[in-house]
């Protein structure tokens, strides 16, 4: 299994959703977190969004 599938599965595995909309919202929130907020060790600390801001300055 590739790492993207593992990360995506973490956001919803073992949880119960009453509607498809709840599942979609959870996945959307996780993707936002993953792409913008999580700390990236290989970037030496900043989140991806912070890194992009620093790089473009």
PDB file of N, CA and C in Angstrom:
ATOM      1  N   UNK A   1       0.859  -1.181   0.000  1.00  0.00           N
ATOM      2  CA  UNK A   1       0.000   0.000   0.000  1.00  0.00           C
ATOM      3  C   UNK A   1       0.899   1.236   0.000  1.00  0.00           C
ATOM      4  N   UNK A   2       0.600   2.202  -0.852  1.00  0.00           N
ATOM      5  CA  UNK A   2       1.453   3.384  -0.876  1.00  0.00           C
ATOM      6  C   UNK A   2       1.154   4.303   0.307  1.00  0.00           C
ATOM      7  N   UNK A   3       2.091   5.200   0.602  1.00  0.00           N
ATOM      8  CA  UNK A   3       1.974   6.024   1.811  1.00  0.00           C
ATOM      9  C   UNK A   3       0.778   6.962   1.771  1.00  0.00           C
ATOM     10  N   UNK A   4       0.348   7.423   0.609  1.00  0.00           N
ATOM     11  CA  UNK A   4      -0.816   8.315   0.538  1.00  0.00           C
ATOM     12  C   UNK A   4      -2.083   7.588   0.977  1.00  0.00           C
ATOM     13  N   UNK A   5      -2.214   6.327   0.594  1.00  0.00           N
ATOM     14  CA  UNK A   5      -3.380   5.559   1.013  1.00  0.00           C
ATOM     15  C   UNK A   5      -3.358   5.327   2.513  1.00  0.00           C
ATOM     16  N   UNK A   6      -2.181   5.083   3.065  1.00  0.00           N
ATOM     17  CA  UNK A   6      -2.064   4.872   4.511  1.00  0.00           C
ATOM     18  C   UNK A   6      -2.493   6.125   5.251  1.00  0.00           C
ATOM     19  N   UNK A   7      -2.004   7.292   4.828  1.00  0.00           N
ATOM     20  CA  UNK A   7      -2.370   8.546   5.488  1.00  0.00           C
ATOM     21  C   UNK A   7      -3.864   8.820   5.364  1.00  0.00           C
ATOM     22  N   UNK A   8      -4.422   8.628   4.189  1.00  0.00           N
ATOM     23  CA  UNK A   8      -5.845   8.877   3.990  1.00  0.00           C
ATOM     24  C   UNK A   8      -6.683   7.939   4.846  1.00  0.00           C
ATOM     25  N   UNK A   9      -6.275   6.695   4.944  1.00  0.00           N
ATOM     26  CA  UNK A   9      -7.018   5.727   5.734  1.00  0.00           C
ATOM     27  C   UNK A   9      -7.015   6.098   7.211  1.00  0.00           C
ATOM     28  N   UNK A  10      -5.932   6.685   7.705  1.00  0.00           N
ATOM     29  CA  UNK A  10      -5.843   7.074   9.114  1.00  0.00           C
ATOM     30  C   UNK A  10      -6.958   8.030   9.514  1.00  0.00           C
ATOM     31  N   UNK A  11      -7.392   8.876   8.611  1.00  0.00           N
ATOM     32  CA  UNK A  11      -8.369   9.898   8.974  1.00  0.00           C
ATOM     33  C   UNK A  11      -9.764   9.324   9.185  1.00  0.00           C
ATOM     34  N   UNK A  12     -10.048   8.144   8.648  1.00  0.00           N
ATOM     35  CA  UNK A  12     -11.402   7.617   8.814  1.00  0.00           C
ATOM     36  C   UNK A  12     -11.481   6.177   9.311  1.00  0.00           C
ATOM     37  N   UNK A  13     -10.384   5.461   9.370  1.00  0.00           N
ATOM     38  CA  UNK A  13     -10.418   4.058   9.776  1.00  0.00           C
ATOM     39  C   UNK A  13     -10.904   3.926  11.217  1.00  0.00           C
ATOM     40  N   UNK A  14     -11.854   3.068  11.442  1.00  0.00           N
ATOM     41  CA  UNK A  14     -12.368   2.806  12.777  1.00  0.00           C
ATOM     42  C   UNK A  14     -13.414   3.799  13.253  1.00  0.00           C
ATOM     43  N   UNK A  15     -13.740   4.786  12.438  1.00  0.00           N
ATOM     44  CA  UNK A  15     -14.755   5.776  12.813  1.00  0.00           C
ATOM     45  C   UNK A  15     -16.063   5.424  12.121  1.00  0.00           C
ATOM     46  N   UNK A  16     -17.152   5.861  12.726  1.00  0.00           N
ATOM     47  CA  UNK A  16     -18.470   5.642  12.131  1.00  0.00           C
ATOM     48  C   UNK A  16     -19.017   6.977  11.656  1.00  0.00           C
ATOM     49  N   UNK A  17     -19.578   6.974  10.481  1.00  0.00           N
ATOM     50  CA  UNK A  17     -20.160   8.175   9.901  1.00  0.00           C
ATOM     51  C   UNK A  17     -21.629   7.900   9.609  1.00  0.00           C
ATOM     52  N   UNK A  18     -22.476   8.843   9.988  1.00  0.00           N
ATOM     53  CA  UNK A  18     -23.910   8.675   9.755  1.00  0.00           C
ATOM     54  C   UNK A  18     -24.292   8.949   8.306  1.00  0.00           C
ATOM     55  N   UNK A  19     -23.492   9.789   7.639  1.00  0.00           N
ATOM     56  CA  UNK A  19     -23.800  10.128   6.252  1.00  0.00           C
ATOM     57  C   UNK A  19     -22.527  10.134   5.418  1.00  0.00           C
ATOM     58  N   UNK A  20     -22.707  10.035   4.126  1.00  0.00           N
ATOM     59  CA  UNK A  20     -21.583  10.148   3.210  1.00  0.00           C
ATOM     60  C   UNK A  20     -20.973  11.546   3.316  1.00  0.00           C
ATOM     61  N   UNK A  21     -21.808  12.543   3.551  1.00  0.00           N
ATOM     62  CA  UNK A  21     -21.330  13.916   3.707  1.00  0.00           C
ATOM     63  C   UNK A  21     -20.352  14.058   4.865  1.00  0.00           C
ATOM     64  N   UNK A  22     -20.622  13.380   5.978  1.00  0.00           N
ATOM     65  CA  UNK A  22     -19.708  13.421   7.127  1.00  0.00           C
ATOM     66  C   UNK A  22     -18.356  12.815   6.761  1.00  0.00           C
ATOM     67  N   UNK A  23     -18.371  11.705   6.045  1.00  0.00           N
ATOM     68  CA  UNK A  23     -17.127  11.075   5.613  1.00  0.00           C
ATOM     69  C   UNK A  23     -16.359  12.011   4.686  1.00  0.00           C
ATOM     70  N   UNK A  24     -17.047  12.601   3.712  1.00  0.00           N
ATOM     71  CA  UNK A  24     -16.391  13.529   2.787  1.00  0.00           C
ATOM     72  C   UNK A  24     -15.786  14.714   3.529  1.00  0.00           C
ATOM     73  N   UNK A  25     -16.510  15.267   4.498  1.00  0.00           N
ATOM     74  CA  UNK A  25     -16.012  16.405   5.271  1.00  0.00           C
ATOM     75  C   UNK A  25     -14.771  16.014   6.062  1.00  0.00           C
ATOM     76  N   UNK A  26     -14.773  14.839   6.659  1.00  0.00           N
ATOM     77  CA  UNK A  26     -13.617  14.360   7.416  1.00  0.00           C
ATOM     78  C   UNK A  26     -12.401  14.217   6.513  1.00  0.00           C
ATOM     79  N   UNK A  27     -12.601  13.652   5.343  1.00  0.00           N
ATOM     80  CA  UNK A  27     -11.493  13.493   4.399  1.00  0.00           C
ATOM     81  C   UNK A  27     -10.995  14.853   3.940  1.00  0.00           C
ATOM     82  N   UNK A  28     -11.906  15.779   3.635  1.00  0.00           N
ATOM     83  CA  UNK A  28     -11.524  17.130   3.214  1.00  0.00           C
ATOM     84  C   UNK A  28     -10.691  17.821   4.302  1.00  0.00           C
ATOM     85  N   UNK A  29     -11.129  17.725   5.553  1.00  0.00           N
ATOM     86  CA  UNK A  29     -10.395  18.341   6.664  1.00  0.00           C
ATOM     87  C   UNK A  29      -9.012  17.720   6.822  1.00  0.00           C
ATOM     88  N   UNK A  30      -8.919  16.409   6.656  1.00  0.00           N
ATOM     89  CA  UNK A  30      -7.624  15.749   6.785  1.00  0.00           C
ATOM     90  C   UNK A  30      -6.679  16.175   5.667  1.00  0.00           C
ATOM     91  N   UNK A  31      -7.182  16.259   4.452  1.00  0.00           N
ATOM     92  CA  UNK A  31      -6.341  16.689   3.331  1.00  0.00           C
ATOM     93  C   UNK A  31      -5.839  18.110   3.565  1.00  0.00           C
ATOM     94  N   UNK A  32      -6.712  18.988   4.058  1.00  0.00           N
ATOM     95  CA  UNK A  32      -6.280  20.361   4.368  1.00  0.00           C
ATOM     96  C   UNK A  32      -5.181  20.334   5.433  1.00  0.00           C
ATOM     97  N   UNK A  33      -5.401  19.569   6.497  1.00  0.00           N
ATOM     98  CA  UNK A  33      -4.389  19.448   7.551  1.00  0.00           C
ATOM     99  C   UNK A  33      -3.077  18.920   6.976  1.00  0.00           C
ATOM    100  N   UNK A  34      -3.156  17.860   6.196  1.00  0.00           N
ATOM    101  CA  UNK A  34      -1.960  17.208   5.668  1.00  0.00           C
ATOM    102  C   UNK A  34      -1.178  18.142   4.747  1.00  0.00           C
ATOM    103  N   UNK A  35      -1.871  18.887   3.920  1.00  0.00           N
ATOM    104  CA  UNK A  35      -1.209  19.761   2.951  1.00  0.00           C
ATOM    105  C   UNK A  35      -0.767  21.099   3.519  1.00  0.00           C
ATOM    106  N   UNK A  36      -1.372  21.546   4.624  1.00  0.00           N
ATOM    107  CA  UNK A  36      -1.121  22.907   5.086  1.00  0.00           C
ATOM    108  C   UNK A  36      -0.623  23.050   6.517  1.00  0.00           C
ATOM    109  N   UNK A  37      -0.975  22.138   7.408  1.00  0.00           N
ATOM    110  CA  UNK A  37      -0.724  22.375   8.821  1.00  0.00           C
ATOM    111  C   UNK A  37       0.277  21.435   9.486  1.00  0.00           C
ATOM    112  N   UNK A  38       0.379  20.218   9.016  1.00  0.00           N
ATOM    113  CA  UNK A  38       1.230  19.250   9.722  1.00  0.00           C
ATOM    114  C   UNK A  38       2.697  19.665   9.628  1.00  0.00           C
ATOM    115  N   UNK A  39       3.431  19.360  10.663  1.00  0.00           N
ATOM    116  CA  UNK A  39       4.859  19.659  10.697  1.00  0.00           C
ATOM    117  C   UNK A  39       5.574  18.645   9.814  1.00  0.00           C
ATOM    118  N   UNK A  40       6.453  19.115   8.986  1.00  0.00           N
ATOM    119  CA  UNK A  40       7.211  18.283   8.051  1.00  0.00           C
ATOM    120  C   UNK A  40       8.640  18.176   8.545  1.00  0.00           C
ATOM    121  N   UNK A  41       9.062  17.027   8.982  1.00  0.00           N
ATOM    122  CA  UNK A  41      10.429  16.832   9.474  1.00  0.00           C
ATOM    123  C   UNK A  41      11.445  17.153   8.388  1.00  0.00           C
ATOM    124  N   UNK A  42      11.198  16.708   7.167  1.00  0.00           N
ATOM    125  CA  UNK A  42      12.179  16.946   6.106  1.00  0.00           C
ATOM    126  C   UNK A  42      12.289  18.424   5.738  1.00  0.00           C
ATOM    127  N   UNK A  43      11.299  19.236   6.118  1.00  0.00           N
ATOM    128  CA  UNK A  43      11.384  20.687   5.901  1.00  0.00           C
ATOM    129  C   UNK A  43      12.005  21.385   7.109  1.00  0.00           C
ATOM    130  N   UNK A  44      12.412  20.595   8.097  1.00  0.00           N
ATOM    131  CA  UNK A  44      13.059  21.073   9.324  1.00  0.00           C
ATOM    132  C   UNK A  44      12.137  21.952  10.172  1.00  0.00           C
ATOM    133  N   UNK A  45      10.877  21.553  10.283  1.00  0.00           N
ATOM    134  CA  UNK A  45      10.001  22.190  11.252  1.00  0.00           C
ATOM    135  C   UNK A  45       8.747  22.877  10.759  1.00  0.00           C
ATOM    136  N   UNK A  46       8.793  23.728   9.744  1.00  0.00           N
ATOM    137  CA  UNK A  46       7.560  24.439   9.399  1.00  0.00           C
ATOM    138  C   UNK A  46       6.541  23.520   8.729  1.00  0.00           C
ATOM    139  N   UNK A  47       5.297  23.948   8.775  1.00  0.00           N
ATOM    140  CA  UNK A  47       4.273  23.226   8.032  1.00  0.00           C
ATOM    141  C   UNK A  47       4.496  23.479   6.547  1.00  0.00           C
ATOM    142  N   UNK A  48       3.906  22.677   5.682  1.00  0.00           N
ATOM    143  CA  UNK A  48       4.074  22.921   4.248  1.00  0.00           C
ATOM    144  C   UNK A  48       3.643  24.331   3.830  1.00  0.00           C
ATOM    145  N   UNK A  49       2.556  24.846   4.402  1.00  0.00           N
ATOM    146  CA  UNK A  49       2.097  26.196   4.051  1.00  0.00           C
ATOM    147  C   UNK A  49       3.112  27.242   4.492  1.00  0.00           C
ATOM    148  N   UNK A  50       3.658  27.089   5.705  1.00  0.00           N
ATOM    149  CA  UNK A  50       4.681  28.030   6.186  1.00  0.00           C
ATOM    150  C   UNK A  50       5.928  27.953   5.315  1.00  0.00           C
ATOM    151  N   UNK A  51       6.300  26.761   4.916  1.00  0.00           N
ATOM    152  CA  UNK A  51       7.474  26.579   4.066  1.00  0.00           C
ATOM    153  C   UNK A  51       7.279  27.266   2.718  1.00  0.00           C
ATOM    154  N   UNK A  52       6.090  27.102   2.133  1.00  0.00           N
ATOM    155  CA  UNK A  52       5.812  27.755   0.849  1.00  0.00           C
ATOM    156  C   UNK A  52       5.882  29.269   0.989  1.00  0.00           C
ATOM    157  N   UNK A  53       5.370  29.808   2.094  1.00  0.00           N
ATOM    158  CA  UNK A  53       5.412  31.252   2.331  1.00  0.00           C
ATOM    159  C   UNK A  53       6.849  31.725   2.465  1.00  0.00           C
ATOM    160  N   UNK A  54       7.665  30.989   3.215  1.00  0.00           N
ATOM    161  CA  UNK A  54       9.074  31.352   3.401  1.00  0.00           C
ATOM    162  C   UNK A  54       9.831  31.270   2.083  1.00  0.00           C
ATOM    163  N   UNK A  55       9.543  30.274   1.289  1.00  0.00           N
ATOM    164  CA  UNK A  55      10.250  30.065   0.028  1.00  0.00           C
ATOM    165  C   UNK A  55       9.946  31.157  -0.992  1.00  0.00           C
ATOM    166  N   UNK A  56       8.732  31.674  -0.951  1.00  0.00           N
ATOM    167  CA  UNK A  56       8.339  32.676  -1.939  1.00  0.00           C
ATOM    168  C   UNK A  56       8.737  34.091  -1.543  1.00  0.00           C
ATOM    169  N   UNK A  57       9.223  34.268  -0.327  1.00  0.00           N
ATOM    170  CA  UNK A  57       9.623  35.606   0.145  1.00  0.00           C
ATOM    171  C   UNK A  57      10.985  35.985  -0.357  1.00  0.00           C
TER     172      UNK A  57
END
